[in-house]
N, C-alpha and C. Protein backbone atom coordinates (compact mmCIF):
# COMPACT_ATOMS: atom_id res chain seq x y z
N MET A 1 3.62 -3.42 4.10
CA MET A 1 2.61 -2.50 4.61
C MET A 1 2.42 -1.33 3.62
N MET A 2 1.22 -0.97 3.45
CA MET A 2 0.89 0.15 2.56
C MET A 2 0.22 1.21 3.41
N GLN A 3 0.14 2.43 2.83
CA GLN A 3 -0.56 3.51 3.55
C GLN A 3 -1.06 4.49 2.56
N ILE A 4 -2.02 5.33 2.96
CA ILE A 4 -2.56 6.38 2.12
C ILE A 4 -1.55 7.48 1.96
N LYS A 5 -1.38 7.94 0.74
CA LYS A 5 -0.48 9.06 0.47
C LYS A 5 -1.12 10.30 1.04
N GLN A 6 -0.33 11.17 1.64
CA GLN A 6 -0.87 12.43 2.16
C GLN A 6 -1.53 13.23 1.06
N GLY A 7 -2.62 13.90 1.38
CA GLY A 7 -3.22 14.78 0.41
C GLY A 7 -4.51 14.26 -0.18
N PHE A 8 -4.99 13.11 0.27
CA PHE A 8 -6.28 12.60 -0.21
C PHE A 8 -7.23 12.59 0.94
N LYS A 9 -8.43 13.23 0.74
CA LYS A 9 -9.38 13.32 1.71
C LYS A 9 -10.73 12.74 1.25
N LEU A 10 -11.46 12.12 2.17
CA LEU A 10 -12.76 11.63 1.87
C LEU A 10 -13.78 12.74 2.08
N LYS A 11 -14.57 13.02 1.06
CA LYS A 11 -15.62 14.05 1.10
C LYS A 11 -16.96 13.42 0.69
N GLU A 12 -18.03 13.96 1.22
CA GLU A 12 -19.35 13.54 0.78
C GLU A 12 -19.92 14.66 -0.03
N VAL A 13 -20.27 14.38 -1.32
CA VAL A 13 -20.80 15.35 -2.25
C VAL A 13 -22.11 14.80 -2.83
N CYS A 14 -23.23 15.50 -2.56
CA CYS A 14 -24.53 15.09 -3.05
C CYS A 14 -24.80 13.61 -2.76
N GLY A 15 -24.48 13.19 -1.55
CA GLY A 15 -24.72 11.84 -1.13
C GLY A 15 -23.74 10.78 -1.59
N GLU A 16 -22.73 11.21 -2.38
CA GLU A 16 -21.71 10.30 -2.84
C GLU A 16 -20.43 10.48 -2.04
N ARG A 17 -19.75 9.40 -1.77
CA ARG A 17 -18.45 9.44 -1.09
C ARG A 17 -17.37 9.52 -2.14
N ILE A 18 -16.54 10.52 -2.06
CA ILE A 18 -15.52 10.77 -3.09
C ILE A 18 -14.17 11.05 -2.45
N LEU A 19 -13.11 10.46 -3.00
CA LEU A 19 -11.75 10.81 -2.58
C LEU A 19 -11.31 12.01 -3.41
N VAL A 20 -10.86 13.04 -2.69
CA VAL A 20 -10.49 14.28 -3.33
C VAL A 20 -9.03 14.56 -3.09
N PRO A 21 -8.26 14.86 -4.15
CA PRO A 21 -6.86 15.28 -3.94
C PRO A 21 -6.83 16.66 -3.37
N MET A 22 -6.02 16.87 -2.34
CA MET A 22 -5.92 18.15 -1.65
C MET A 22 -4.45 18.62 -1.68
N GLY A 23 -4.26 19.97 -1.59
CA GLY A 23 -2.93 20.49 -1.50
C GLY A 23 -2.27 20.70 -2.86
N GLU A 24 -1.14 21.37 -2.82
CA GLU A 24 -0.42 21.73 -4.05
C GLU A 24 0.05 20.56 -4.88
N ASN A 25 0.38 19.47 -4.23
CA ASN A 25 0.90 18.30 -4.97
C ASN A 25 -0.19 17.45 -5.57
N ASN A 26 -1.42 17.71 -5.25
CA ASN A 26 -2.54 16.90 -5.73
C ASN A 26 -3.66 17.74 -6.33
N VAL A 27 -3.36 18.56 -7.29
CA VAL A 27 -4.39 19.41 -7.86
C VAL A 27 -5.06 18.87 -9.09
N ASP A 28 -4.78 17.63 -9.44
CA ASP A 28 -5.36 17.00 -10.64
C ASP A 28 -6.71 16.42 -10.27
N PHE A 29 -7.77 17.17 -10.60
CA PHE A 29 -9.08 16.78 -10.23
C PHE A 29 -9.64 15.67 -11.10
N SER A 30 -8.87 15.20 -12.10
CA SER A 30 -9.28 14.01 -12.85
C SER A 30 -9.12 12.78 -11.99
N LYS A 31 -8.50 12.88 -10.81
CA LYS A 31 -8.25 11.76 -9.93
C LYS A 31 -9.31 11.64 -8.84
N LEU A 32 -10.44 12.23 -9.02
CA LEU A 32 -11.54 12.06 -8.10
C LEU A 32 -11.97 10.58 -8.21
N ILE A 33 -12.19 9.94 -7.06
CA ILE A 33 -12.53 8.54 -7.07
C ILE A 33 -13.79 8.39 -6.18
N ALA A 34 -14.90 7.87 -6.80
CA ALA A 34 -16.11 7.60 -6.06
C ALA A 34 -15.94 6.25 -5.35
N LEU A 35 -16.47 6.18 -4.12
CA LEU A 35 -16.37 4.96 -3.33
C LEU A 35 -17.75 4.32 -3.17
N ASN A 36 -17.82 3.00 -3.43
CA ASN A 36 -19.04 2.29 -3.10
C ASN A 36 -18.95 1.88 -1.60
N ASP A 37 -19.93 1.16 -1.15
CA ASP A 37 -20.00 0.79 0.30
C ASP A 37 -18.78 0.03 0.74
N SER A 38 -18.37 -0.96 -0.10
CA SER A 38 -17.22 -1.81 0.35
C SER A 38 -15.90 -1.04 0.27
N SER A 39 -15.71 -0.25 -0.74
CA SER A 39 -14.43 0.55 -0.79
C SER A 39 -14.42 1.62 0.28
N TYR A 40 -15.58 2.16 0.66
CA TYR A 40 -15.66 3.09 1.77
C TYR A 40 -15.29 2.42 3.07
N LEU A 41 -15.80 1.22 3.30
CA LEU A 41 -15.44 0.43 4.48
C LEU A 41 -13.89 0.23 4.58
N LEU A 42 -13.28 -0.12 3.43
CA LEU A 42 -11.84 -0.35 3.43
C LEU A 42 -11.11 0.95 3.58
N TRP A 43 -11.57 2.02 3.02
CA TRP A 43 -10.94 3.34 3.17
C TRP A 43 -10.91 3.76 4.64
N ARG A 44 -11.99 3.54 5.34
CA ARG A 44 -12.03 3.90 6.76
C ARG A 44 -10.95 3.15 7.53
N ARG A 45 -10.66 1.94 7.16
CA ARG A 45 -9.55 1.22 7.83
C ARG A 45 -8.19 1.79 7.39
N MET A 46 -8.08 2.07 6.12
CA MET A 46 -6.78 2.60 5.57
C MET A 46 -6.45 3.94 6.18
N GLU A 47 -7.44 4.71 6.53
CA GLU A 47 -7.23 6.04 7.13
C GLU A 47 -6.55 5.92 8.52
N LYS A 48 -6.67 4.79 9.17
CA LYS A 48 -6.13 4.63 10.51
C LYS A 48 -4.64 4.39 10.57
N GLY A 49 -4.03 4.16 9.41
CA GLY A 49 -2.58 3.92 9.36
C GLY A 49 -2.21 2.75 8.46
N PRO A 50 -0.94 2.37 8.45
CA PRO A 50 -0.46 1.34 7.58
C PRO A 50 -1.36 0.07 7.65
N PHE A 51 -1.51 -0.60 6.51
CA PHE A 51 -2.39 -1.74 6.41
C PHE A 51 -1.76 -2.76 5.45
N THR A 52 -2.30 -3.96 5.55
CA THR A 52 -1.89 -5.03 4.61
C THR A 52 -3.09 -5.49 3.79
N THR A 53 -2.76 -6.20 2.71
CA THR A 53 -3.84 -6.79 1.90
C THR A 53 -4.66 -7.73 2.73
N GLU A 54 -3.99 -8.53 3.58
CA GLU A 54 -4.70 -9.53 4.38
C GLU A 54 -5.72 -8.86 5.34
N GLU A 55 -5.38 -7.71 5.87
CA GLU A 55 -6.28 -7.01 6.77
C GLU A 55 -7.55 -6.58 6.03
N LEU A 56 -7.34 -6.08 4.82
CA LEU A 56 -8.47 -5.61 4.06
C LEU A 56 -9.38 -6.78 3.61
N VAL A 57 -8.72 -7.90 3.23
CA VAL A 57 -9.49 -9.11 2.89
C VAL A 57 -10.31 -9.56 4.05
N ASN A 58 -9.72 -9.60 5.23
CA ASN A 58 -10.47 -10.04 6.38
C ASN A 58 -11.65 -9.13 6.69
N ILE A 59 -11.52 -7.84 6.49
CA ILE A 59 -12.65 -6.89 6.70
C ILE A 59 -13.79 -7.23 5.73
N LEU A 60 -13.46 -7.49 4.49
CA LEU A 60 -14.54 -7.82 3.51
C LEU A 60 -15.24 -9.11 3.89
N CYS A 61 -14.46 -10.11 4.29
CA CYS A 61 -15.00 -11.40 4.66
C CYS A 61 -15.89 -11.31 5.87
N GLU A 62 -15.53 -10.45 6.83
CA GLU A 62 -16.33 -10.29 8.05
C GLU A 62 -17.61 -9.53 7.78
N GLU A 63 -17.52 -8.52 6.90
CA GLU A 63 -18.69 -7.64 6.68
C GLU A 63 -19.68 -8.16 5.65
N TYR A 64 -19.13 -8.84 4.63
CA TYR A 64 -19.98 -9.30 3.55
C TYR A 64 -19.92 -10.82 3.44
N ASP A 65 -20.88 -11.43 2.79
CA ASP A 65 -20.92 -12.86 2.63
C ASP A 65 -20.10 -13.22 1.38
N VAL A 66 -18.81 -13.09 1.42
CA VAL A 66 -17.91 -13.42 0.32
C VAL A 66 -16.84 -14.38 0.75
N THR A 67 -16.39 -15.17 -0.20
CA THR A 67 -15.30 -16.09 0.11
C THR A 67 -13.99 -15.34 0.11
N PRO A 68 -12.98 -15.91 0.76
CA PRO A 68 -11.65 -15.24 0.76
C PRO A 68 -11.13 -15.05 -0.65
N ASP A 69 -11.39 -15.97 -1.58
CA ASP A 69 -10.89 -15.83 -2.95
C ASP A 69 -11.50 -14.62 -3.62
N VAL A 70 -12.77 -14.40 -3.45
CA VAL A 70 -13.46 -13.21 -4.02
C VAL A 70 -12.93 -11.94 -3.36
N ALA A 71 -12.77 -11.98 -2.04
CA ALA A 71 -12.29 -10.81 -1.35
C ALA A 71 -10.89 -10.41 -1.74
N VAL A 72 -10.00 -11.42 -1.97
CA VAL A 72 -8.65 -11.18 -2.40
C VAL A 72 -8.67 -10.48 -3.78
N LYS A 73 -9.48 -10.99 -4.69
CA LYS A 73 -9.54 -10.32 -6.03
C LYS A 73 -10.01 -8.90 -5.91
N ASP A 74 -11.02 -8.69 -5.12
CA ASP A 74 -11.58 -7.33 -4.97
C ASP A 74 -10.55 -6.38 -4.36
N VAL A 75 -9.86 -6.83 -3.31
CA VAL A 75 -8.85 -6.00 -2.66
C VAL A 75 -7.70 -5.72 -3.60
N GLU A 76 -7.22 -6.76 -4.29
CA GLU A 76 -6.11 -6.55 -5.21
C GLU A 76 -6.49 -5.57 -6.30
N ASN A 77 -7.73 -5.62 -6.83
CA ASN A 77 -8.17 -4.65 -7.84
C ASN A 77 -8.22 -3.23 -7.26
N LEU A 78 -8.69 -3.09 -6.05
CA LEU A 78 -8.76 -1.79 -5.43
C LEU A 78 -7.35 -1.23 -5.21
N ILE A 79 -6.46 -2.04 -4.69
CA ILE A 79 -5.08 -1.62 -4.50
C ILE A 79 -4.42 -1.24 -5.79
N LYS A 80 -4.64 -1.99 -6.82
CA LYS A 80 -4.09 -1.66 -8.16
C LYS A 80 -4.58 -0.33 -8.62
N GLN A 81 -5.88 -0.04 -8.48
CA GLN A 81 -6.46 1.21 -8.86
C GLN A 81 -5.85 2.35 -8.02
N TYR A 82 -5.77 2.19 -6.74
CA TYR A 82 -5.23 3.22 -5.86
C TYR A 82 -3.76 3.50 -6.18
N ARG A 83 -3.00 2.48 -6.48
CA ARG A 83 -1.58 2.66 -6.82
C ARG A 83 -1.49 3.47 -8.13
N SER A 84 -2.28 3.05 -9.15
CA SER A 84 -2.19 3.76 -10.42
C SER A 84 -2.61 5.20 -10.33
N GLU A 85 -3.49 5.51 -9.36
CA GLU A 85 -3.92 6.90 -9.15
C GLU A 85 -3.04 7.64 -8.17
N GLY A 86 -2.04 6.96 -7.60
CA GLY A 86 -1.15 7.62 -6.63
C GLY A 86 -1.78 7.86 -5.28
N VAL A 87 -2.75 7.08 -4.92
CA VAL A 87 -3.46 7.29 -3.65
C VAL A 87 -2.77 6.57 -2.47
N ILE A 88 -2.15 5.45 -2.77
CA ILE A 88 -1.45 4.72 -1.68
C ILE A 88 0.01 4.53 -2.04
N THR A 89 0.83 4.29 -1.01
CA THR A 89 2.28 4.02 -1.22
C THR A 89 2.60 2.79 -0.40
N ASP A 90 3.67 2.16 -0.79
CA ASP A 90 4.20 1.01 -0.03
C ASP A 90 5.15 1.41 1.06
């Protein structure tokens, strides 16, 4: 199970959805992350609490006309990015 690290908030700025680091431990504004529609959809699920890769894959398959193979690659890439930016923890 993974979860969002405390201190990241979703903000809407000029019509764009952006993850913003908040608090003393997250003052590096180079870590702003813009979300497209699919990553926004997944973020809304991740905000609810611990999640698995499989849950996120299922959400993409249900919402979009994608195969599980494509959804797995997309979710794995998103998780890799979020881990490298310190947005999620295991």
